[in-house]
Amino acid sequence: MKEEWSACLAALGESRNKAEYGRLFQYFAPRVKAYIIRLGMTPANAEELAQEALLSVWRKAHMFDPAKANASTWIFRLARNLCIDRLRREKIQFYELDADEPDPDEQHAGESAVLATRMAQAIRTLPEAQAQVLYLSYYEGRSHSEIAQAIGIPLGSVKSRLRLGFEKLKQLWGESS
């Protein structure tokens, strides 16, 4: 699959084929958005940055070298760089605020970090099959059918593993149904 996307991106760089770009966009747009959200951006900003990243893919496809990186690595690097640039710009604006006003984005940062760590630890206690489908679904943004195809299991097994994983996470977190 990695070779297929790399070939698609290389072909896009040579031909500027809109159909190839459409395939790349359809596959990578939701994944890039999920990745940017994991980097700490809001969903609205992540949507905007994902659009910018994929526009950069169109503009810079001729610069892609399959010998140096996979298409996914190259695309996610573009997205990461755009996200870092945005965070730097926002940081500059933050320092211009009055020192007495707390930053609303940082008011719950400690709590979010604790919850993220607790969730990561809980997922690590799950059986590998359940943790794998949870990760692919919620961290990579893949659909159930994409997960089934990617790891070679029936769609019903994906759904069962997700359900069992959620039940175990609820038990670990001490929540009832």
N, C-alpha and C. Protein backbone atom coordinates (compact mmCIF):
# COMPACT_ATOMS: atom_id res chain seq x y z
N MET A 1 0.83 -1.18 0.00
CA MET A 1 0.00 0.00 0.00
C MET A 1 0.88 1.25 0.00
N LYS A 2 1.97 1.22 0.79
CA LYS A 2 2.87 2.38 0.85
C LYS A 2 3.46 2.67 -0.52
N GLU A 3 3.84 1.60 -1.22
CA GLU A 3 4.43 1.78 -2.55
C GLU A 3 3.40 2.36 -3.52
N GLU A 4 2.14 1.93 -3.37
CA GLU A 4 1.08 2.42 -4.26
C GLU A 4 0.88 3.93 -4.08
N TRP A 5 0.86 4.41 -2.82
CA TRP A 5 0.67 5.84 -2.58
C TRP A 5 1.90 6.63 -3.02
N SER A 6 3.07 6.05 -2.84
CA SER A 6 4.28 6.73 -3.28
C SER A 6 4.29 6.85 -4.80
N ALA A 7 3.88 5.79 -5.48
CA ALA A 7 3.79 5.84 -6.94
C ALA A 7 2.75 6.86 -7.39
N CYS A 8 1.64 6.91 -6.69
CA CYS A 8 0.57 7.87 -7.01
C CYS A 8 1.08 9.30 -6.85
N LEU A 9 1.78 9.57 -5.76
CA LEU A 9 2.30 10.92 -5.51
C LEU A 9 3.38 11.28 -6.52
N ALA A 10 4.24 10.32 -6.85
CA ALA A 10 5.27 10.57 -7.86
C ALA A 10 4.64 10.87 -9.22
N ALA A 11 3.60 10.10 -9.56
CA ALA A 11 2.89 10.34 -10.82
C ALA A 11 2.23 11.72 -10.82
N LEU A 12 1.68 12.11 -9.70
CA LEU A 12 1.08 13.43 -9.58
C LEU A 12 2.12 14.52 -9.82
N GLY A 13 3.30 14.33 -9.30
CA GLY A 13 4.37 15.30 -9.48
C GLY A 13 4.77 15.46 -10.94
N GLU A 14 4.68 14.38 -11.70
CA GLU A 14 5.05 14.44 -13.10
C GLU A 14 3.92 14.92 -13.99
N SER A 15 2.70 14.47 -13.71
CA SER A 15 1.60 14.72 -14.65
C SER A 15 0.59 15.77 -14.21
N ARG A 16 0.59 16.12 -12.92
CA ARG A 16 -0.41 17.05 -12.37
C ARG A 16 -1.84 16.55 -12.66
N ASN A 17 -2.02 15.23 -12.60
CA ASN A 17 -3.29 14.59 -12.89
C ASN A 17 -4.26 14.81 -11.74
N LYS A 18 -5.41 15.42 -12.03
CA LYS A 18 -6.38 15.74 -10.98
C LYS A 18 -7.01 14.48 -10.38
N ALA A 19 -7.13 13.43 -11.17
CA ALA A 19 -7.69 12.18 -10.65
C ALA A 19 -6.76 11.57 -9.60
N GLU A 20 -5.46 11.61 -9.87
CA GLU A 20 -4.48 11.11 -8.89
C GLU A 20 -4.54 11.94 -7.61
N TYR A 21 -4.65 13.25 -7.78
CA TYR A 21 -4.74 14.13 -6.62
C TYR A 21 -6.02 13.83 -5.83
N GLY A 22 -7.11 13.60 -6.53
CA GLY A 22 -8.37 13.27 -5.87
C GLY A 22 -8.25 12.01 -5.03
N ARG A 23 -7.57 10.99 -5.55
CA ARG A 23 -7.34 9.76 -4.79
C ARG A 23 -6.53 10.04 -3.53
N LEU A 24 -5.46 10.79 -3.70
CA LEU A 24 -4.62 11.14 -2.54
C LEU A 24 -5.41 11.94 -1.51
N PHE A 25 -6.14 12.92 -1.99
CA PHE A 25 -6.91 13.78 -1.09
C PHE A 25 -7.93 12.96 -0.32
N GLN A 26 -8.68 12.12 -1.03
CA GLN A 26 -9.73 11.34 -0.38
C GLN A 26 -9.15 10.42 0.70
N TYR A 27 -7.99 9.85 0.43
CA TYR A 27 -7.40 8.93 1.40
C TYR A 27 -6.74 9.67 2.56
N PHE A 28 -5.96 10.70 2.24
CA PHE A 28 -5.13 11.33 3.28
C PHE A 28 -5.82 12.45 4.06
N ALA A 29 -6.81 13.12 3.51
CA ALA A 29 -7.42 14.26 4.19
C ALA A 29 -7.93 13.91 5.60
N PRO A 30 -8.72 12.85 5.78
CA PRO A 30 -9.18 12.55 7.15
C PRO A 30 -8.05 12.12 8.08
N ARG A 31 -7.06 11.46 7.54
CA ARG A 31 -5.94 11.00 8.36
C ARG A 31 -5.07 12.18 8.80
N VAL A 32 -4.86 13.11 7.89
CA VAL A 32 -4.07 14.30 8.22
C VAL A 32 -4.81 15.13 9.27
N LYS A 33 -6.12 15.26 9.11
CA LYS A 33 -6.90 16.03 10.09
C LYS A 33 -6.79 15.38 11.48
N ALA A 34 -6.95 14.06 11.55
CA ALA A 34 -6.85 13.35 12.84
C ALA A 34 -5.45 13.53 13.44
N TYR A 35 -4.44 13.48 12.61
CA TYR A 35 -3.06 13.66 13.06
C TYR A 35 -2.87 15.07 13.64
N ILE A 36 -3.40 16.06 12.97
CA ILE A 36 -3.25 17.45 13.43
C ILE A 36 -4.00 17.66 14.74
N ILE A 37 -5.14 17.03 14.88
CA ILE A 37 -5.88 17.12 16.15
C ILE A 37 -5.03 16.52 17.27
N ARG A 38 -4.37 15.38 16.98
CA ARG A 38 -3.50 14.76 18.00
C ARG A 38 -2.32 15.65 18.35
N LEU A 39 -1.93 16.55 17.43
CA LEU A 39 -0.85 17.48 17.72
C LEU A 39 -1.32 18.64 18.60
N GLY A 40 -2.62 18.72 18.88
CA GLY A 40 -3.12 19.72 19.81
C GLY A 40 -3.95 20.83 19.20
N MET A 41 -4.30 20.71 17.93
CA MET A 41 -5.12 21.75 17.31
C MET A 41 -6.60 21.44 17.52
N THR A 42 -7.42 22.48 17.47
CA THR A 42 -8.86 22.29 17.55
C THR A 42 -9.34 21.64 16.25
N PRO A 43 -10.49 20.98 16.27
CA PRO A 43 -11.00 20.37 15.02
C PRO A 43 -11.15 21.38 13.87
N ALA A 44 -11.60 22.58 14.18
CA ALA A 44 -11.76 23.59 13.12
C ALA A 44 -10.41 23.98 12.53
N ASN A 45 -9.42 24.22 13.40
CA ASN A 45 -8.07 24.55 12.91
C ASN A 45 -7.45 23.35 12.19
N ALA A 46 -7.73 22.15 12.69
CA ALA A 46 -7.18 20.95 12.05
C ALA A 46 -7.75 20.79 10.65
N GLU A 47 -9.02 21.08 10.49
CA GLU A 47 -9.64 21.01 9.16
C GLU A 47 -8.96 21.99 8.21
N GLU A 48 -8.76 23.20 8.68
CA GLU A 48 -8.11 24.23 7.86
C GLU A 48 -6.68 23.84 7.52
N LEU A 49 -5.94 23.35 8.50
CA LEU A 49 -4.55 22.96 8.26
C LEU A 49 -4.46 21.73 7.36
N ALA A 50 -5.40 20.82 7.48
CA ALA A 50 -5.42 19.64 6.60
C ALA A 50 -5.63 20.09 5.15
N GLN A 51 -6.53 21.05 4.96
CA GLN A 51 -6.76 21.60 3.61
C GLN A 51 -5.47 22.24 3.09
N GLU A 52 -4.81 23.02 3.93
CA GLU A 52 -3.56 23.68 3.52
C GLU A 52 -2.49 22.64 3.19
N ALA A 53 -2.40 21.60 4.01
CA ALA A 53 -1.39 20.56 3.79
C ALA A 53 -1.61 19.85 2.46
N LEU A 54 -2.87 19.53 2.18
CA LEU A 54 -3.14 18.83 0.93
C LEU A 54 -3.03 19.76 -0.28
N LEU A 55 -3.23 21.04 -0.08
CA LEU A 55 -2.97 22.00 -1.15
C LEU A 55 -1.46 22.07 -1.40
N SER A 56 -0.68 21.99 -0.34
CA SER A 56 0.78 21.94 -0.48
C SER A 56 1.22 20.68 -1.21
N VAL A 57 0.51 19.58 -0.99
CA VAL A 57 0.81 18.34 -1.72
C VAL A 57 0.65 18.60 -3.22
N TRP A 58 -0.43 19.26 -3.61
CA TRP A 58 -0.66 19.57 -5.02
C TRP A 58 0.46 20.47 -5.56
N ARG A 59 0.81 21.49 -4.80
CA ARG A 59 1.80 22.45 -5.26
C ARG A 59 3.22 21.88 -5.28
N LYS A 60 3.53 21.01 -4.33
CA LYS A 60 4.91 20.55 -4.16
C LYS A 60 5.13 19.09 -4.58
N ALA A 61 4.15 18.49 -5.23
CA ALA A 61 4.26 17.07 -5.59
C ALA A 61 5.50 16.80 -6.44
N HIS A 62 5.90 17.75 -7.24
CA HIS A 62 7.09 17.58 -8.08
C HIS A 62 8.37 17.45 -7.25
N MET A 63 8.32 17.85 -5.98
CA MET A 63 9.48 17.78 -5.11
C MET A 63 9.59 16.43 -4.39
N PHE A 64 8.54 15.61 -4.47
CA PHE A 64 8.52 14.32 -3.78
C PHE A 64 9.52 13.37 -4.43
N ASP A 65 10.33 12.72 -3.59
CA ASP A 65 11.29 11.73 -4.07
C ASP A 65 11.01 10.41 -3.36
N PRO A 66 10.44 9.42 -4.06
CA PRO A 66 10.11 8.14 -3.42
C PRO A 66 11.33 7.40 -2.87
N ALA A 67 12.52 7.77 -3.32
CA ALA A 67 13.73 7.12 -2.81
C ALA A 67 14.06 7.61 -1.40
N LYS A 68 13.57 8.79 -1.03
CA LYS A 68 13.89 9.37 0.27
C LYS A 68 12.83 9.10 1.34
N ALA A 69 11.55 8.99 0.92
CA ALA A 69 10.48 8.81 1.91
C ALA A 69 9.26 8.21 1.24
N ASN A 70 8.39 7.63 2.08
CA ASN A 70 7.08 7.18 1.59
C ASN A 70 6.18 8.40 1.43
N ALA A 71 5.15 8.23 0.63
CA ALA A 71 4.21 9.33 0.42
C ALA A 71 3.59 9.78 1.74
N SER A 72 3.20 8.82 2.58
CA SER A 72 2.56 9.19 3.85
C SER A 72 3.51 9.98 4.73
N THR A 73 4.76 9.58 4.79
CA THR A 73 5.75 10.31 5.58
C THR A 73 5.90 11.73 5.07
N TRP A 74 5.98 11.88 3.77
CA TRP A 74 6.15 13.19 3.16
C TRP A 74 4.93 14.08 3.41
N ILE A 75 3.74 13.53 3.24
CA ILE A 75 2.50 14.30 3.43
C ILE A 75 2.33 14.70 4.90
N PHE A 76 2.56 13.76 5.81
CA PHE A 76 2.41 14.08 7.23
C PHE A 76 3.48 15.07 7.69
N ARG A 77 4.65 15.04 7.08
CA ARG A 77 5.68 16.02 7.41
C ARG A 77 5.23 17.42 6.99
N LEU A 78 4.62 17.53 5.79
CA LEU A 78 4.09 18.83 5.37
C LEU A 78 3.05 19.33 6.38
N ALA A 79 2.15 18.44 6.79
CA ALA A 79 1.11 18.82 7.74
C ALA A 79 1.72 19.23 9.08
N ARG A 80 2.70 18.46 9.54
CA ARG A 80 3.35 18.77 10.82
C ARG A 80 4.02 20.13 10.77
N ASN A 81 4.72 20.42 9.68
CA ASN A 81 5.39 21.72 9.55
C ASN A 81 4.39 22.87 9.55
N LEU A 82 3.27 22.69 8.85
CA LEU A 82 2.24 23.73 8.85
C LEU A 82 1.67 23.93 10.26
N CYS A 83 1.48 22.84 10.97
CA CYS A 83 0.96 22.92 12.33
C CYS A 83 1.94 23.65 13.25
N ILE A 84 3.21 23.33 13.12
CA ILE A 84 4.23 24.00 13.94
C ILE A 84 4.26 25.49 13.62
N ASP A 85 4.19 25.83 12.34
CA ASP A 85 4.16 27.24 11.95
C ASP A 85 2.96 27.95 12.58
N ARG A 86 1.81 27.31 12.55
CA ARG A 86 0.60 27.91 13.11
C ARG A 86 0.76 28.09 14.61
N LEU A 87 1.28 27.07 15.29
CA LEU A 87 1.45 27.16 16.73
C LEU A 87 2.43 28.28 17.10
N ARG A 88 3.46 28.45 16.31
CA ARG A 88 4.42 29.52 16.57
C ARG A 88 3.76 30.88 16.41
N ARG A 89 2.96 31.03 15.36
CA ARG A 89 2.26 32.32 15.17
C ARG A 89 1.30 32.59 16.32
N GLU A 90 0.59 31.56 16.76
CA GLU A 90 -0.35 31.75 17.87
C GLU A 90 0.39 32.04 19.16
N LYS A 91 1.55 31.49 19.33
CA LYS A 91 2.34 31.75 20.53
C LYS A 91 2.74 33.22 20.61
N ILE A 92 3.10 33.79 19.48
CA ILE A 92 3.45 35.21 19.44
C ILE A 92 2.25 36.05 19.86
N GLN A 93 1.07 35.70 19.37
CA GLN A 93 -0.13 36.44 19.75
C GLN A 93 -0.41 36.26 21.25
N PHE A 94 -0.13 35.09 21.79
CA PHE A 94 -0.37 34.84 23.20
C PHE A 94 0.42 35.82 24.07
N TYR A 95 1.67 36.09 23.73
CA TYR A 95 2.51 36.95 24.54
C TYR A 95 2.08 38.40 24.49
N GLU A 96 1.22 38.74 23.54
CA GLU A 96 0.74 40.11 23.46
C GLU A 96 -0.46 40.36 24.38
N LEU A 97 -1.02 39.30 24.99
CA LEU A 97 -2.15 39.46 25.90
C LEU A 97 -1.68 40.00 27.24
N ASP A 98 -2.62 40.55 28.00
CA ASP A 98 -2.30 40.98 29.36
C ASP A 98 -1.87 39.77 30.18
N ALA A 99 -0.92 40.00 31.05
CA ALA A 99 -0.42 38.91 31.88
C ALA A 99 -1.48 38.41 32.86
N ASP A 100 -2.47 39.25 33.21
CA ASP A 100 -3.49 38.86 34.17
C ASP A 100 -4.54 37.93 33.57
N GLU A 101 -4.68 37.92 32.25
CA GLU A 101 -5.68 37.08 31.60
C GLU A 101 -5.11 35.69 31.35
N PRO A 102 -5.75 34.65 31.89
CA PRO A 102 -5.27 33.29 31.60
C PRO A 102 -5.60 32.91 30.16
N ASP A 103 -4.73 32.14 29.54
CA ASP A 103 -4.96 31.66 28.18
C ASP A 103 -6.04 30.57 28.24
N PRO A 104 -7.17 30.75 27.56
CA PRO A 104 -8.24 29.75 27.63
C PRO A 104 -7.83 28.39 27.10
N ASP A 105 -6.88 28.34 26.16
CA ASP A 105 -6.43 27.05 25.64
C ASP A 105 -5.60 26.28 26.65
N GLU A 106 -5.00 26.97 27.60
CA GLU A 106 -4.13 26.30 28.56
C GLU A 106 -4.80 26.07 29.91
N GLN A 107 -6.02 26.52 30.09
CA GLN A 107 -6.68 26.36 31.38
C GLN A 107 -6.83 24.89 31.78
N HIS A 108 -7.06 24.03 30.80
CA HIS A 108 -7.28 22.62 31.10
C HIS A 108 -6.19 21.73 30.51
N ALA A 109 -5.05 22.31 30.20
CA ALA A 109 -3.96 21.55 29.57
C ALA A 109 -3.45 20.45 30.49
N GLY A 110 -3.30 20.72 31.76
CA GLY A 110 -2.81 19.71 32.70
C GLY A 110 -3.77 18.55 32.80
N GLU A 111 -5.06 18.84 32.90
CA GLU A 111 -6.06 17.79 32.98
C GLU A 111 -6.05 16.95 31.71
N SER A 112 -5.93 17.59 30.56
CA SER A 112 -5.90 16.87 29.28
C SER A 112 -4.69 15.95 29.21
N ALA A 113 -3.56 16.42 29.67
CA ALA A 113 -2.35 15.60 29.65
C ALA A 113 -2.51 14.37 30.55
N VAL A 114 -3.10 14.55 31.72
CA VAL A 114 -3.31 13.44 32.64
C VAL A 114 -4.27 12.43 32.02
N LEU A 115 -5.35 12.92 31.42
CA LEU A 115 -6.31 12.02 30.79
C LEU A 115 -5.69 11.28 29.61
N ALA A 116 -4.88 11.96 28.81
CA ALA A 116 -4.23 11.32 27.66
C ALA A 116 -3.28 10.22 28.14
N THR A 117 -2.53 10.50 29.19
CA THR A 117 -1.61 9.50 29.74
C THR A 117 -2.38 8.31 30.29
N ARG A 118 -3.44 8.60 31.01
CA ARG A 118 -4.25 7.53 31.59
C ARG A 118 -4.87 6.66 30.49
N MET A 119 -5.35 7.30 29.41
CA MET A 119 -5.95 6.55 28.31
C MET A 119 -4.89 5.69 27.61
N ALA A 120 -3.71 6.23 27.38
CA ALA A 120 -2.64 5.47 26.73
C ALA A 120 -2.28 4.25 27.57
N GLN A 121 -2.21 4.43 28.90
CA GLN A 121 -1.89 3.30 29.78
C GLN A 121 -3.00 2.26 29.74
N ALA A 122 -4.24 2.71 29.70
CA ALA A 122 -5.37 1.79 29.66
C ALA A 122 -5.37 1.00 28.36
N ILE A 123 -5.09 1.66 27.26
CA ILE A 123 -5.08 0.97 25.96
C ILE A 123 -3.96 -0.07 25.92
N ARG A 124 -2.83 0.23 26.56
CA ARG A 124 -1.71 -0.72 26.59
C ARG A 124 -2.07 -2.00 27.34
N THR A 125 -3.07 -1.95 28.23
CA THR A 125 -3.45 -3.16 28.97
C THR A 125 -4.41 -4.04 28.17
N LEU A 126 -4.95 -3.52 27.08
CA LEU A 126 -5.87 -4.31 26.26
C LEU A 126 -5.11 -5.37 25.47
N PRO A 127 -5.80 -6.44 25.08
CA PRO A 127 -5.17 -7.39 24.15
C PRO A 127 -4.77 -6.65 22.87
N GLU A 128 -3.71 -7.10 22.24
CA GLU A 128 -3.15 -6.40 21.08
C GLU A 128 -4.19 -6.21 19.97
N ALA A 129 -5.02 -7.21 19.72
CA ALA A 129 -6.00 -7.11 18.64
C ALA A 129 -7.00 -5.97 18.89
N GLN A 130 -7.42 -5.82 20.14
CA GLN A 130 -8.36 -4.75 20.48
C GLN A 130 -7.69 -3.39 20.45
N ALA A 131 -6.49 -3.30 20.98
CA ALA A 131 -5.75 -2.04 20.98
C ALA A 131 -5.47 -1.59 19.55
N GLN A 132 -5.17 -2.54 18.68
CA GLN A 132 -4.86 -2.22 17.29
C GLN A 132 -6.06 -1.57 16.59
N VAL A 133 -7.24 -2.17 16.72
CA VAL A 133 -8.41 -1.59 16.04
C VAL A 133 -8.81 -0.25 16.66
N LEU A 134 -8.66 -0.12 17.99
CA LEU A 134 -8.95 1.17 18.62
C LEU A 134 -8.01 2.25 18.09
N TYR A 135 -6.74 1.93 17.99
CA TYR A 135 -5.77 2.91 17.49
C TYR A 135 -6.08 3.30 16.05
N LEU A 136 -6.31 2.30 15.21
CA LEU A 136 -6.58 2.59 13.79
C LEU A 136 -7.86 3.41 13.63
N SER A 137 -8.84 3.14 14.46
CA SER A 137 -10.11 3.85 14.34
C SER A 137 -10.03 5.28 14.88
N TYR A 138 -9.50 5.44 16.08
CA TYR A 138 -9.59 6.75 16.72
C TYR A 138 -8.35 7.62 16.58
N TYR A 139 -7.20 7.01 16.39
CA TYR A 139 -6.01 7.83 16.25
C TYR A 139 -5.63 8.06 14.79
N GLU A 140 -5.96 7.09 13.92
CA GLU A 140 -5.66 7.27 12.50
C GLU A 140 -6.90 7.67 11.71
N GLY A 141 -8.07 7.59 12.33
CA GLY A 141 -9.30 8.02 11.66
C GLY A 141 -9.78 7.09 10.57
N ARG A 142 -9.42 5.83 10.64
CA ARG A 142 -9.85 4.88 9.60
C ARG A 142 -11.26 4.38 9.88
N SER A 143 -11.99 4.09 8.80
CA SER A 143 -13.33 3.52 8.93
C SER A 143 -13.19 2.04 9.28
N HIS A 144 -14.29 1.45 9.72
CA HIS A 144 -14.28 0.04 10.09
C HIS A 144 -13.89 -0.83 8.90
N SER A 145 -14.42 -0.52 7.73
CA SER A 145 -14.10 -1.32 6.55
C SER A 145 -12.63 -1.15 6.14
N GLU A 146 -12.07 0.03 6.31
CA GLU A 146 -10.65 0.24 6.02
C GLU A 146 -9.78 -0.57 6.98
N ILE A 147 -10.18 -0.62 8.24
CA ILE A 147 -9.43 -1.40 9.23
C ILE A 147 -9.48 -2.88 8.86
N ALA A 148 -10.68 -3.36 8.52
CA ALA A 148 -10.83 -4.77 8.15
C ALA A 148 -9.92 -5.11 6.98
N GLN A 149 -9.89 -4.25 5.99
CA GLN A 149 -9.06 -4.48 4.81
C GLN A 149 -7.58 -4.38 5.16
N ALA A 150 -7.21 -3.41 5.97
CA ALA A 150 -5.79 -3.20 6.29
C ALA A 150 -5.18 -4.36 7.07
N ILE A 151 -5.94 -4.91 8.02
CA ILE A 151 -5.35 -5.98 8.83
C ILE A 151 -5.87 -7.36 8.44
N GLY A 152 -6.72 -7.42 7.42
CA GLY A 152 -7.13 -8.70 6.86
C GLY A 152 -8.07 -9.51 7.73
N ILE A 153 -9.04 -8.85 8.35
CA ILE A 153 -10.03 -9.56 9.14
C ILE A 153 -11.42 -9.14 8.68
N PRO A 154 -12.45 -9.95 8.98
CA PRO A 154 -13.81 -9.57 8.59
C PRO A 154 -14.28 -8.31 9.32
N LEU A 155 -15.19 -7.58 8.67
CA LEU A 155 -15.74 -6.35 9.24
C LEU A 155 -16.38 -6.60 10.61
N GLY A 156 -17.09 -7.72 10.75
CA GLY A 156 -17.71 -8.05 12.03
C GLY A 156 -16.69 -8.22 13.15
N SER A 157 -15.51 -8.74 12.81
CA SER A 157 -14.45 -8.90 13.81
C SER A 157 -13.93 -7.55 14.27
N VAL A 158 -13.84 -6.61 13.34
CA VAL A 158 -13.41 -5.25 13.71
C VAL A 158 -14.39 -4.67 14.72
N LYS A 159 -15.67 -4.78 14.41
CA LYS A 159 -16.69 -4.22 15.29
C LYS A 159 -16.70 -4.92 16.65
N SER A 160 -16.52 -6.23 16.65
CA SER A 160 -16.48 -6.97 17.92
C SER A 160 -15.29 -6.56 18.77
N ARG A 161 -14.13 -6.42 18.12
CA ARG A 161 -12.93 -6.02 18.86
C ARG A 161 -13.08 -4.62 19.44
N LEU A 162 -13.69 -3.73 18.67
CA LEU A 162 -13.93 -2.38 19.18
C LEU A 162 -14.86 -2.41 20.39
N ARG A 163 -15.95 -3.18 20.28
CA ARG A 163 -16.91 -3.27 21.37
C ARG A 163 -16.27 -3.85 22.62
N LEU A 164 -15.51 -4.94 22.46
CA LEU A 164 -14.82 -5.56 23.60
C LEU A 164 -13.79 -4.61 24.20
N GLY A 165 -13.07 -3.90 23.35
CA GLY A 165 -12.08 -2.94 23.83
C GLY A 165 -12.73 -1.84 24.64
N PHE A 166 -13.86 -1.32 24.15
CA PHE A 166 -14.57 -0.27 24.88
C PHE A 166 -15.07 -0.77 26.23
N GLU A 167 -15.57 -2.00 26.26
CA GLU A 167 -16.06 -2.56 27.53
C GLU A 167 -14.91 -2.65 28.54
N LYS A 168 -13.76 -3.11 28.08
CA LYS A 168 -12.61 -3.22 29.00
C LYS A 168 -12.13 -1.84 29.45
N LEU A 169 -12.14 -0.88 28.54
CA LEU A 169 -11.74 0.49 28.92
C LEU A 169 -12.71 1.05 29.95
N LYS A 170 -14.00 0.80 29.79
CA LYS A 170 -14.98 1.27 30.77
C LYS A 170 -14.70 0.67 32.15
N GLN A 171 -14.37 -0.63 32.16
CA GLN A 171 -14.06 -1.29 33.42
C GLN A 171 -12.80 -0.68 34.05
N LEU A 172 -11.80 -0.45 33.24
CA LEU A 172 -10.54 0.13 33.74
C LEU A 172 -10.76 1.54 34.29
N TRP A 173 -11.68 2.27 33.68
CA TRP A 173 -11.94 3.65 34.11
C TRP A 173 -12.99 3.70 35.21
N GLY A 174 -13.56 2.54 35.55
CA GLY A 174 -14.55 2.49 36.63
C GLY A 174 -15.89 3.09 36.25
N GLU A 175 -16.22 3.02 34.96
CA GLU A 175 -17.51 3.55 34.53
C GLU A 175 -18.46 2.40 34.26
N SER A 176 -19.74 2.61 34.59
CA SER A 176 -20.73 1.58 34.32
C SER A 176 -21.40 1.87 32.98
N SER A 177 -21.76 0.82 32.28
CA SER A 177 -22.38 0.89 30.95
C SER A 177 -22.33 2.24 30.38
